[in-house]
PDB file of N, CA and C in Angstrom:
ATOM      1  N   MET A   1      91.778-104.051  11.295  1.00  0.00           N
ATOM      2  CA  MET A   1      92.549-103.446  12.344  1.00  0.00           C
ATOM      3  C   MET A   1      94.033-103.752  12.154  1.00  0.00           C
ATOM      4  N   ALA A   2      94.329-104.993  11.815  1.00  0.00           N
ATOM      5  CA  ALA A   2      95.723-105.386  11.634  1.00  0.00           C
ATOM      6  C   ALA A   2      96.373-104.604  10.495  1.00  0.00           C
ATOM      7  N   ARG A   3      95.596-104.271   9.484  1.00  0.00           N
ATOM      8  CA  ARG A   3      96.139-103.508   8.354  1.00  0.00           C
ATOM      9  C   ARG A   3      96.545-102.103   8.791  1.00  0.00           C
ATOM     10  N   VAL A   4      95.741-101.495   9.636  1.00  0.00           N
ATOM     11  CA  VAL A   4      96.057-100.146  10.131  1.00  0.00           C
ATOM     12  C   VAL A   4      97.313-100.202  10.996  1.00  0.00           C
ATOM     13  N   ILE A   5      97.382-101.184  11.877  1.00  0.00           N
ATOM     14  CA  ILE A   5      98.544-101.346  12.750  1.00  0.00           C
ATOM     15  C   ILE A   5      99.800-101.560  11.908  1.00  0.00           C
ATOM     16  N   SER A   6      99.682-102.362  10.861  1.00  0.00           N
ATOM     17  CA  SER A   6     100.809-102.615   9.969  1.00  0.00           C
ATOM     18  C   SER A   6     101.201-101.343   9.211  1.00  0.00           C
ATOM     19  N   HIS A   7     100.216-100.596   8.746  1.00  0.00           N
ATOM     20  CA  HIS A   7     100.471 -99.350   8.012  1.00  0.00           C
ATOM     21  C   HIS A   7     101.316 -98.389   8.847  1.00  0.00           C
ATOM     22  N   TYR A   8     100.993 -98.279  10.125  1.00  0.00           N
ATOM     23  CA  TYR A   8     101.732 -97.376  11.019  1.00  0.00           C
ATOM     24  C   TYR A   8     102.929 -98.052  11.673  1.00  0.00           C
ATOM     25  N   GLN A   9     103.142 -99.319  11.400  1.00  0.00           N
ATOM     26  CA  GLN A   9     104.262-100.091  11.942  1.00  0.00           C
ATOM     27  C   GLN A   9     104.324 -99.986  13.467  1.00  0.00           C
ATOM     28  N   VAL A  10     103.195-100.301  14.076  1.00  0.00           N
ATOM     29  CA  VAL A  10     103.060-100.228  15.533  1.00  0.00           C
ATOM     30  C   VAL A  10     102.962-101.641  16.091  1.00  0.00           C
ATOM     31  N   ALA A  11     103.695-101.906  17.148  1.00  0.00           N
ATOM     32  CA  ALA A  11     103.538-103.185  17.845  1.00  0.00           C
ATOM     33  C   ALA A  11     102.181-103.139  18.553  1.00  0.00           C
ATOM     34  N   PRO A  12     101.318-104.125  18.341  1.00  0.00           N
ATOM     35  CA  PRO A  12      99.965-104.099  18.904  1.00  0.00           C
ATOM     36  C   PRO A  12      99.913-103.825  20.410  1.00  0.00           C
ATOM     37  N   GLU A  13     100.884-104.302  21.159  1.00  0.00           N
ATOM     38  CA  GLU A  13     100.863-104.092  22.603  1.00  0.00           C
ATOM     39  C   GLU A  13     101.051-102.606  22.975  1.00  0.00           C
ATOM     40  N   ARG A  14     101.602-101.808  22.057  1.00  0.00           N
ATOM     41  CA  ARG A  14     101.780-100.372  22.339  1.00  0.00           C
ATOM     42  C   ARG A  14     100.457 -99.628  22.365  1.00  0.00           C
ATOM     43  N   LEU A  15      99.424-100.198  21.753  1.00  0.00           N
ATOM     44  CA  LEU A  15      98.115 -99.537  21.737  1.00  0.00           C
ATOM     45  C   LEU A  15      97.525 -99.427  23.132  1.00  0.00           C
ATOM     46  N   ALA A  16      97.924-100.307  24.019  1.00  0.00           N
ATOM     47  CA  ALA A  16      97.396-100.317  25.384  1.00  0.00           C
ATOM     48  C   ALA A  16      98.230 -99.471  26.339  1.00  0.00           C
ATOM     49  N   LEU A  17      99.185 -98.719  25.804  1.00  0.00           N
ATOM     50  CA  LEU A  17     100.035 -97.878  26.646  1.00  0.00           C
ATOM     51  C   LEU A  17      99.652 -96.413  26.477  1.00  0.00           C
ATOM     52  N   PRO A  18      99.728 -95.631  27.546  1.00  0.00           N
ATOM     53  CA  PRO A  18      99.423 -94.196  27.454  1.00  0.00           C
ATOM     54  C   PRO A  18     100.597 -93.437  26.842  1.00  0.00           C
ATOM     55  N   ASP A  19     100.697 -93.458  25.541  1.00  0.00           N
ATOM     56  CA  ASP A  19     101.830 -92.888  24.811  1.00  0.00           C
ATOM     57  C   ASP A  19     101.280 -91.893  23.795  1.00  0.00           C
ATOM     58  N   LYS A  20     101.896 -90.720  23.689  1.00  0.00           N
ATOM     59  CA  LYS A  20     101.386 -89.700  22.775  1.00  0.00           C
ATOM     60  C   LYS A  20     102.295 -89.457  21.575  1.00  0.00           C
ATOM     61  N   GLU A  21     103.128 -90.438  21.239  1.00  0.00           N
ATOM     62  CA  GLU A  21     103.957 -90.285  20.045  1.00  0.00           C
ATOM     63  C   GLU A  21     103.035 -90.088  18.846  1.00  0.00           C
ATOM     64  N   ARG A  22     103.454 -89.218  17.948  1.00  0.00           N
ATOM     65  CA  ARG A  22     102.603 -88.812  16.830  1.00  0.00           C
ATOM     66  C   ARG A  22     102.088 -90.004  16.004  1.00  0.00           C
ATOM     67  N   PHE A  23     102.970 -90.897  15.593  1.00  0.00           N
ATOM     68  CA  PHE A  23     102.544 -92.015  14.762  1.00  0.00           C
ATOM     69  C   PHE A  23     101.591 -92.934  15.514  1.00  0.00           C
ATOM     70  N   LEU A  24     101.806 -93.091  16.808  1.00  0.00           N
ATOM     71  CA  LEU A  24     100.937 -93.942  17.615  1.00  0.00           C
ATOM     72  C   LEU A  24      99.571 -93.286  17.788  1.00  0.00           C
ATOM     73  N   ALA A  25      99.563 -91.969  17.991  1.00  0.00           N
ATOM     74  CA  ALA A  25      98.300 -91.236  18.117  1.00  0.00           C
ATOM     75  C   ALA A  25      97.500 -91.319  16.820  1.00  0.00           C
ATOM     76  N   LYS A  26      98.173 -91.233  15.683  1.00  0.00           N
ATOM     77  CA  LYS A  26      97.475 -91.357  14.398  1.00  0.00           C
ATOM     78  C   LYS A  26      96.897 -92.757  14.229  1.00  0.00           C
ATOM     79  N   CYS A  27      97.678 -93.751  14.584  1.00  0.00           N
ATOM     80  CA  CYS A  27      97.205 -95.133  14.485  1.00  0.00           C
ATOM     81  C   CYS A  27      95.974 -95.331  15.361  1.00  0.00           C
ATOM     82  N   LYS A  28      96.035 -94.868  16.602  1.00  0.00           N
ATOM     83  CA  LYS A  28      94.893 -94.996  17.510  1.00  0.00           C
ATOM     84  C   LYS A  28      93.678 -94.256  16.968  1.00  0.00           C
ATOM     85  N   ALA A  29      93.902 -93.093  16.367  1.00  0.00           N
ATOM     86  CA  ALA A  29      92.798 -92.296  15.826  1.00  0.00           C
ATOM     87  C   ALA A  29      92.075 -93.059  14.720  1.00  0.00           C
ATOM     88  N   VAL A  30      92.829 -93.629  13.805  1.00  0.00           N
ATOM     89  CA  VAL A  30      92.211 -94.381  12.709  1.00  0.00           C
ATOM     90  C   VAL A  30      91.521 -95.634  13.253  1.00  0.00           C
ATOM     91  N   LEU A  31      92.159 -96.312  14.181  1.00  0.00           N
ATOM     92  CA  LEU A  31      91.545 -97.497  14.785  1.00  0.00           C
ATOM     93  C   LEU A  31      90.243 -97.135  15.499  1.00  0.00           C
ATOM     94  N   CYS A  32      90.241 -96.018  16.214  1.00  0.00           N
ATOM     95  CA  CYS A  32      89.025 -95.585  16.912  1.00  0.00           C
ATOM     96  C   CYS A  32      87.909 -95.313  15.908  1.00  0.00           C
ATOM     97  N   HIS A  33      88.233 -94.641  14.827  1.00  0.00           N
ATOM     98  CA  HIS A  33      87.216 -94.346  13.812  1.00  0.00           C
ATOM     99  C   HIS A  33      86.634 -95.635  13.233  1.00  0.00           C
ATOM    100  N   VAL A  34      87.508 -96.544  12.838  1.00  0.00           N
ATOM    101  CA  VAL A  34      87.048 -97.803  12.238  1.00  0.00           C
ATOM    102  C   VAL A  34      86.220 -98.599  13.240  1.00  0.00           C
ATOM    103  N   ALA A  35      86.699 -98.720  14.458  1.00  0.00           N
ATOM    104  CA  ALA A  35      85.992 -99.505  15.472  1.00  0.00           C
ATOM    105  C   ALA A  35      84.637 -98.886  15.824  1.00  0.00           C
ATOM    106  N   LEU A  36      84.593 -97.567  15.945  1.00  0.00           N
ATOM    107  CA  LEU A  36      83.365 -96.878  16.339  1.00  0.00           C
ATOM    108  C   LEU A  36      82.356 -96.829  15.201  1.00  0.00           C
ATOM    109  N   ARG A  37      82.786 -96.403  14.036  1.00  0.00           N
ATOM    110  CA  ARG A  37      81.869 -96.157  12.914  1.00  0.00           C
ATOM    111  C   ARG A  37      81.587 -97.378  12.044  1.00  0.00           C
ATOM    112  N   HIS A  38      82.557 -98.255  11.907  1.00  0.00           N
ATOM    113  CA  HIS A  38      82.384 -99.383  10.985  1.00  0.00           C
ATOM    114  C   HIS A  38      82.107-100.706  11.693  1.00  0.00           C
ATOM    115  N   LEU A  39      82.659-100.866  12.893  1.00  0.00           N
ATOM    116  CA  LEU A  39      82.467-102.126  13.612  1.00  0.00           C
ATOM    117  C   LEU A  39      81.413-102.019  14.706  1.00  0.00           C
ATOM    118  N   GLY A  40      80.958-100.803  14.988  1.00  0.00           N
ATOM    119  CA  GLY A  40      79.896-100.604  15.968  1.00  0.00           C
ATOM    120  C   GLY A  40      80.301-100.828  17.419  1.00  0.00           C
ATOM    121  N   MET A  41      81.588-100.747  17.703  1.00  0.00           N
ATOM    122  CA  MET A  41      82.043-100.904  19.082  1.00  0.00           C
ATOM    123  C   MET A  41      81.716 -99.646  19.874  1.00  0.00           C
ATOM    124  N   SER A  42      81.575 -99.765  21.176  1.00  0.00           N
ATOM    125  CA  SER A  42      81.294 -98.604  22.025  1.00  0.00           C
ATOM    126  C   SER A  42      82.599 -97.883  22.373  1.00  0.00           C
ATOM    127  N   GLY A  43      82.449 -96.609  22.747  1.00  0.00           N
ATOM    128  CA  GLY A  43      83.615 -95.839  23.165  1.00  0.00           C
ATOM    129  C   GLY A  43      84.306 -96.446  24.365  1.00  0.00           C
ATOM    130  N   ALA A  44      83.523 -96.974  25.302  1.00  0.00           N
ATOM    131  CA  ALA A  44      84.098 -97.606  26.497  1.00  0.00           C
ATOM    132  C   ALA A  44      84.877 -98.863  26.124  1.00  0.00           C
ATOM    133  N   GLU A  45      84.339 -99.630  25.200  1.00  0.00           N
ATOM    134  CA  GLU A  45      85.005-100.865  24.768  1.00  0.00           C
ATOM    135  C   GLU A  45      86.336-100.545  24.075  1.00  0.00           C
ATOM    136  N   ILE A  46      86.314 -99.558  23.204  1.00  0.00           N
ATOM    137  CA  ILE A  46      87.532 -99.159  22.490  1.00  0.00           C
ATOM    138  C   ILE A  46      88.535 -98.556  23.475  1.00  0.00           C
ATOM    139  N   GLY A  47      88.036 -97.738  24.385  1.00  0.00           N
ATOM    140  CA  GLY A  47      88.900 -97.103  25.375  1.00  0.00           C
ATOM    141  C   GLY A  47      89.639 -98.106  26.228  1.00  0.00           C
ATOM    142  N   GLY A  48      88.990 -99.217  26.531  1.00  0.00           N
ATOM    143  CA  GLY A  48      89.634-100.256  27.324  1.00  0.00           C
ATOM    144  C   GLY A  48      90.822-100.887  26.624  1.00  0.00           C
ATOM    145  N   LYS A  49      90.819-100.812  25.305  1.00  0.00           N
ATOM    146  CA  LYS A  49      91.922-101.401  24.535  1.00  0.00           C
ATOM    147  C   LYS A  49      92.988-100.382  24.152  1.00  0.00           C
ATOM    148  N   THR A  50      92.655 -99.092  24.247  1.00  0.00           N
ATOM    149  CA  THR A  50      93.573 -98.053  23.786  1.00  0.00           C
ATOM    150  C   THR A  50      93.966 -97.050  24.865  1.00  0.00           C
ATOM    151  N   VAL A  51      93.550 -97.248  26.096  1.00  0.00           N
ATOM    152  CA  VAL A  51      93.847 -96.350  27.218  1.00  0.00           C
ATOM    153  C   VAL A  51      93.338 -94.926  26.935  1.00  0.00           C
ATOM    154  N   LEU A  52      92.156 -94.832  26.359  1.00  0.00           N
ATOM    155  CA  LEU A  52      91.506 -93.549  26.125  1.00  0.00           C
ATOM    156  C   LEU A  52      90.165 -93.559  26.837  1.00  0.00           C
ATOM    157  N   SER A  53      89.730 -92.395  27.282  1.00  0.00           N
ATOM    158  CA  SER A  53      88.398 -92.293  27.858  1.00  0.00           C
ATOM    159  C   SER A  53      87.382 -92.381  26.717  1.00  0.00           C
ATOM    160  N   PRO A  54      86.112 -92.659  27.024  1.00  0.00           N
ATOM    161  CA  PRO A  54      85.102 -92.684  25.950  1.00  0.00           C
ATOM    162  C   PRO A  54      85.060 -91.376  25.154  1.00  0.00           C
ATOM    163  N   SER A  55      85.198 -90.234  25.832  1.00  0.00           N
ATOM    164  CA  SER A  55      85.210 -88.967  25.087  1.00  0.00           C
ATOM    165  C   SER A  55      86.509 -88.825  24.284  1.00  0.00           C
ATOM    166  N   GLY A  56      87.603 -89.371  24.806  1.00  0.00           N
ATOM    167  CA  GLY A  56      88.865 -89.385  24.063  1.00  0.00           C
ATOM    168  C   GLY A  56      88.760 -90.217  22.801  1.00  0.00           C
ATOM    169  N   VAL A  57      88.018 -91.313  22.894  1.00  0.00           N
ATOM    170  CA  VAL A  57      87.786 -92.177  21.723  1.00  0.00           C
ATOM    171  C   VAL A  57      87.017 -91.403  20.660  1.00  0.00           C
ATOM    172  N   THR A  58      86.001 -90.655  21.084  1.00  0.00           N
ATOM    173  CA  THR A  58      85.198 -89.878  20.139  1.00  0.00           C
ATOM    174  C   THR A  58      86.057 -88.839  19.422  1.00  0.00           C
ATOM    175  N   GLY A  59      86.889 -88.132  20.166  1.00  0.00           N
ATOM    176  CA  GLY A  59      87.779 -87.141  19.562  1.00  0.00           C
ATOM    177  C   GLY A  59      88.790 -87.786  18.625  1.00  0.00           C
ATOM    178  N   ALA A  60      89.346 -88.899  19.056  1.00  0.00           N
ATOM    179  CA  ALA A  60      90.319 -89.619  18.222  1.00  0.00           C
ATOM    180  C   ALA A  60      89.647 -90.120  16.945  1.00  0.00           C
ATOM    181  N   ALA A  61      88.419 -90.606  17.060  1.00  0.00           N
ATOM    182  CA  ALA A  61      87.691 -91.100  15.885  1.00  0.00           C
ATOM    183  C   ALA A  61      87.478 -89.969  14.878  1.00  0.00           C
ATOM    184  N   ARG A  62      87.200 -88.773  15.368  1.00  0.00           N
ATOM    185  CA  ARG A  62      87.040 -87.616  14.484  1.00  0.00           C
ATOM    186  C   ARG A  62      88.351 -87.334  13.740  1.00  0.00           C
ATOM    187  N   ARG A  63      89.462 -87.383  14.488  1.00  0.00           N
ATOM    188  CA  ARG A  63      90.770 -87.171  13.843  1.00  0.00           C
ATOM    189  C   ARG A  63      91.065 -88.293  12.850  1.00  0.00           C
ATOM    190  N   GLY A  64      90.711 -89.520  13.231  1.00  0.00           N
ATOM    191  CA  GLY A  64      90.929 -90.659  12.338  1.00  0.00           C
ATOM    192  C   GLY A  64      90.156 -90.539  11.039  1.00  0.00           C
ATOM    193  N   GLU A  65      88.937 -90.019  11.139  1.00  0.00           N
ATOM    194  CA  GLU A  65      88.128 -89.797   9.936  1.00  0.00           C
ATOM    195  C   GLU A  65      88.834 -88.829   9.000  1.00  0.00           C
ATOM    196  N   GLY A  66      89.398 -87.766   9.557  1.00  0.00           N
ATOM    197  CA  GLY A  66      90.138 -86.801   8.751  1.00  0.00           C
ATOM    198  C   GLY A  66      91.374 -87.413   8.115  1.00  0.00           C
ATOM    199  N   LEU A  67      92.072 -88.247   8.862  1.00  0.00           N
ATOM    200  CA  LEU A  67      93.253 -88.920   8.316  1.00  0.00           C
ATOM    201  C   LEU A  67      92.874 -89.833   7.159  1.00  0.00           C
ATOM    202  N   LEU A  68      91.768 -90.541   7.305  1.00  0.00           N
ATOM    203  CA  LEU A  68      91.323 -91.415   6.221  1.00  0.00           C
ATOM    204  C   LEU A  68      90.912 -90.621   4.984  1.00  0.00           C
ATOM    205  N   ARG A  69      90.323 -89.451   5.210  1.00  0.00           N
ATOM    206  CA  ARG A  69      89.905 -88.610   4.091  1.00  0.00           C
ATOM    207  C   ARG A  69      91.098 -88.143   3.270  1.00  0.00           C
ATOM    208  N   THR A  70      92.229 -87.902   3.921  1.00  0.00           N
ATOM    209  CA  THR A  70      93.384 -87.323   3.228  1.00  0.00           C
ATOM    210  C   THR A  70      94.424 -88.358   2.792  1.00  0.00           C
ATOM    211  N   ASP A  71      94.282 -89.598   3.194  1.00  0.00           N
ATOM    212  CA  ASP A  71      95.273 -90.629   2.862  1.00  0.00           C
ATOM    213  C   ASP A  71      94.595 -91.755   2.088  1.00  0.00           C
ATOM    214  N   GLU A  72      94.689 -91.676   0.765  1.00  0.00           N
ATOM    215  CA  GLU A  72      93.989 -92.649  -0.087  1.00  0.00           C
ATOM    216  C   GLU A  72      94.478 -94.078   0.146  1.00  0.00           C
ATOM    217  N   ARG A  73      95.763 -94.239   0.326  1.00  0.00           N
ATOM    218  CA  ARG A  73      96.315 -95.583   0.558  1.00  0.00           C
ATOM    219  C   ARG A  73      95.738 -96.198   1.837  1.00  0.00           C
ATOM    220  N   LEU A  74      95.684 -95.407   2.884  1.00  0.00           N
ATOM    221  CA  LEU A  74      95.128 -95.876   4.150  1.00  0.00           C
ATOM    222  C   LEU A  74      93.636 -96.182   4.008  1.00  0.00           C
ATOM    223  N   ARG A  75      92.933 -95.333   3.278  1.00  0.00           N
ATOM    224  CA  ARG A  75      91.500 -95.537   3.039  1.00  0.00           C
ATOM    225  C   ARG A  75      91.252 -96.867   2.324  1.00  0.00           C
ATOM    226  N   ARG A  76      92.102 -97.183   1.342  1.00  0.00           N
ATOM    227  CA  ARG A  76      91.966 -98.481   0.644  1.00  0.00           C
ATOM    228  C   ARG A  76      92.242 -99.643   1.576  1.00  0.00           C
ATOM    229  N   LEU A  77      93.207 -99.463   2.491  1.00  0.00           N
ATOM    230  CA  LEU A  77      93.529-100.524   3.454  1.00  0.00           C
ATOM    231  C   LEU A  77      92.344-100.901   4.323  1.00  0.00           C
ATOM    232  N   VAL A  78      91.568 -99.898   4.733  1.00  0.00           N
ATOM    233  CA  VAL A  78      90.435-100.175   5.615  1.00  0.00           C
ATOM    234  C   VAL A  78      89.158-100.428   4.830  1.00  0.00           C
ATOM    235  N   GLY A  79      89.254-100.367   3.511  1.00  0.00           N
ATOM    236  CA  GLY A  79      88.100-100.704   2.691  1.00  0.00           C
ATOM    237  C   GLY A  79      87.120 -99.567   2.492  1.00  0.00           C
ATOM    238  N   GLY A  80      87.612 -98.360   2.531  1.00  0.00           N
ATOM    239  CA  GLY A  80      86.713 -97.202   2.396  1.00  0.00           C
ATOM    240  C   GLY A  80      86.867 -96.448   1.160  1.00  0.00           C
TER     241      GLY A  80
END
């Protein structure tokens, strides 16, 4: 998780704010994907840390999967 946050140069406390800046949304999307698919966290658990609803987490995770597919450097960072 820290690697993704570092990649997007996001202050960790910003993840808990309802902010739709593009880079922050991308960071949240990748984090949601990793947390949901690789760490087995629930949508509600992730949502509590990212100010997203459980369905918002699912949508963000889908976008995050696409971002990982197209960004080889980011994919290596998360071990995929």
